[in-house]
Protein backbone atom coordinates (compact mmCIF):
# COMPACT_ATOMS: atom_id res chain seq x y z
CA MET A 1 -117.82 47.92 -49.33
CA THR A 2 -116.42 46.02 -52.32
CA GLU A 3 -114.95 47.82 -55.27
CA GLU A 4 -116.22 46.93 -58.75
CA PRO A 5 -113.67 45.13 -60.91
CA LYS A 6 -111.78 47.42 -63.24
CA TYR A 7 -111.88 44.97 -66.17
CA PRO A 8 -113.91 41.90 -67.17
CA PRO A 9 -112.83 38.59 -65.57
CA ILE A 10 -109.56 37.21 -66.99
CA ASN A 11 -111.36 34.32 -68.72
CA GLN A 12 -113.55 36.84 -70.59
CA GLN A 13 -110.51 38.93 -71.51
CA THR A 14 -108.79 35.79 -72.83
CA ARG A 15 -111.88 34.91 -74.88
CA ASN A 16 -112.05 38.47 -76.25
CA LEU A 17 -108.39 38.30 -77.28
CA ALA A 18 -108.78 34.88 -78.92
CA LEU A 19 -111.84 35.99 -80.91
CA SER A 20 -110.04 39.16 -81.97
CA VAL A 21 -107.03 37.17 -83.21
CA LEU A 22 -109.27 34.76 -85.16
CA LYS A 23 -111.21 37.64 -86.71
CA GLN A 24 -107.95 39.34 -87.69
CA MET A 25 -106.58 36.13 -89.23
CA ARG A 26 -109.72 35.67 -91.34
CA ASP A 27 -109.72 39.30 -92.40
CA THR A 28 -106.02 39.23 -93.28
CA ALA A 29 -106.49 36.05 -95.32
CA SER A 30 -109.23 37.67 -97.38
CA THR A 31 -107.98 41.28 -97.63
CA GLY A 32 -104.26 41.05 -96.95
CA GLN A 33 -104.61 43.96 -94.54
CA VAL A 34 -103.30 43.68 -90.96
CA ILE A 35 -102.79 47.25 -89.81
CA ALA A 36 -105.56 49.84 -89.99
CA SER A 37 -104.80 53.04 -91.89
CA GLN A 38 -103.46 56.02 -89.94
CA GLU A 39 -106.79 57.79 -90.47
CA VAL A 40 -108.77 54.87 -89.03
CA GLN A 41 -106.38 54.55 -86.11
CA GLN A 42 -106.68 58.26 -85.32
CA GLU A 43 -110.48 58.13 -85.51
CA ARG A 44 -110.59 55.10 -83.19
CA LYS A 45 -108.15 56.73 -80.78
CA SER A 46 -110.28 59.89 -80.59
CA ILE A 47 -113.38 57.84 -79.86
CA CYS A 48 -111.67 55.69 -77.23
CA TYR A 49 -109.97 58.57 -75.42
CA ALA A 50 -113.35 60.29 -75.00
CA CYS A 51 -115.13 57.09 -73.90
CA GLU A 52 -116.26 56.40 -70.34
CA HIS A 53 -114.68 52.93 -70.61
CA TYR A 54 -111.19 54.26 -71.33
CA ASP A 55 -108.70 53.64 -68.50
CA VAL A 56 -106.30 56.59 -68.71
CA GLU A 57 -103.74 55.03 -66.34
CA ASP A 58 -103.42 51.67 -68.10
CA HIS A 59 -104.46 52.73 -71.64
CA ARG A 60 -106.96 49.88 -71.70
CA CYS A 61 -110.65 49.45 -72.40
CA LYS A 62 -112.63 48.64 -69.26
CA ALA A 63 -115.40 47.06 -71.37
CA CYS A 64 -113.23 44.35 -72.94
CA GLY A 65 -109.88 44.64 -71.15
CA CYS A 66 -107.89 45.13 -74.35
CA MET A 67 -104.71 47.19 -74.64
CA LEU A 68 -105.91 50.06 -76.81
CA SER A 69 -102.62 50.70 -78.61
CA ILE A 70 -102.91 47.23 -80.13
CA LYS A 71 -106.69 47.11 -80.53
CA ILE A 72 -106.80 50.46 -82.35
CA SER A 73 -104.07 49.49 -84.80
CA MET A 74 -105.41 46.13 -86.01
CA SER A 75 -107.63 46.41 -89.08
CA ALA A 76 -110.29 43.84 -88.13
CA ASN A 77 -110.82 44.90 -84.52
CA SER A 78 -114.06 46.48 -83.37
CA CYS A 79 -115.29 48.37 -80.34
CA PRO A 80 -117.14 46.19 -77.81
CA GLN A 81 -119.55 49.12 -77.30
CA ASN A 82 -120.09 49.55 -81.08
CA LYS A 83 -118.71 53.10 -81.02
CA TRP A 84 -116.29 52.70 -83.94
CA PRO A 85 -117.63 53.17 -87.47
CA LYS A 86 -117.87 49.95 -89.46
């Protein structure tokens, strides 16, 4: 019996990270904003902590593999499951 992988393959996680960085760079260039407001971060955190994809032990998203403390704080990031408000 094989266990399902906890996170996407490392190449997919690397791609997700690279796309997130590029999106953040574009957003920062146009808006000047890097860090999401405390209100947005709290809302994202509440959504993630209640999500079935949240890994409590590693504080990571099982859908994309991202470290949630970083993902939640960056202004241009989005939820891979489209659970965060736009």
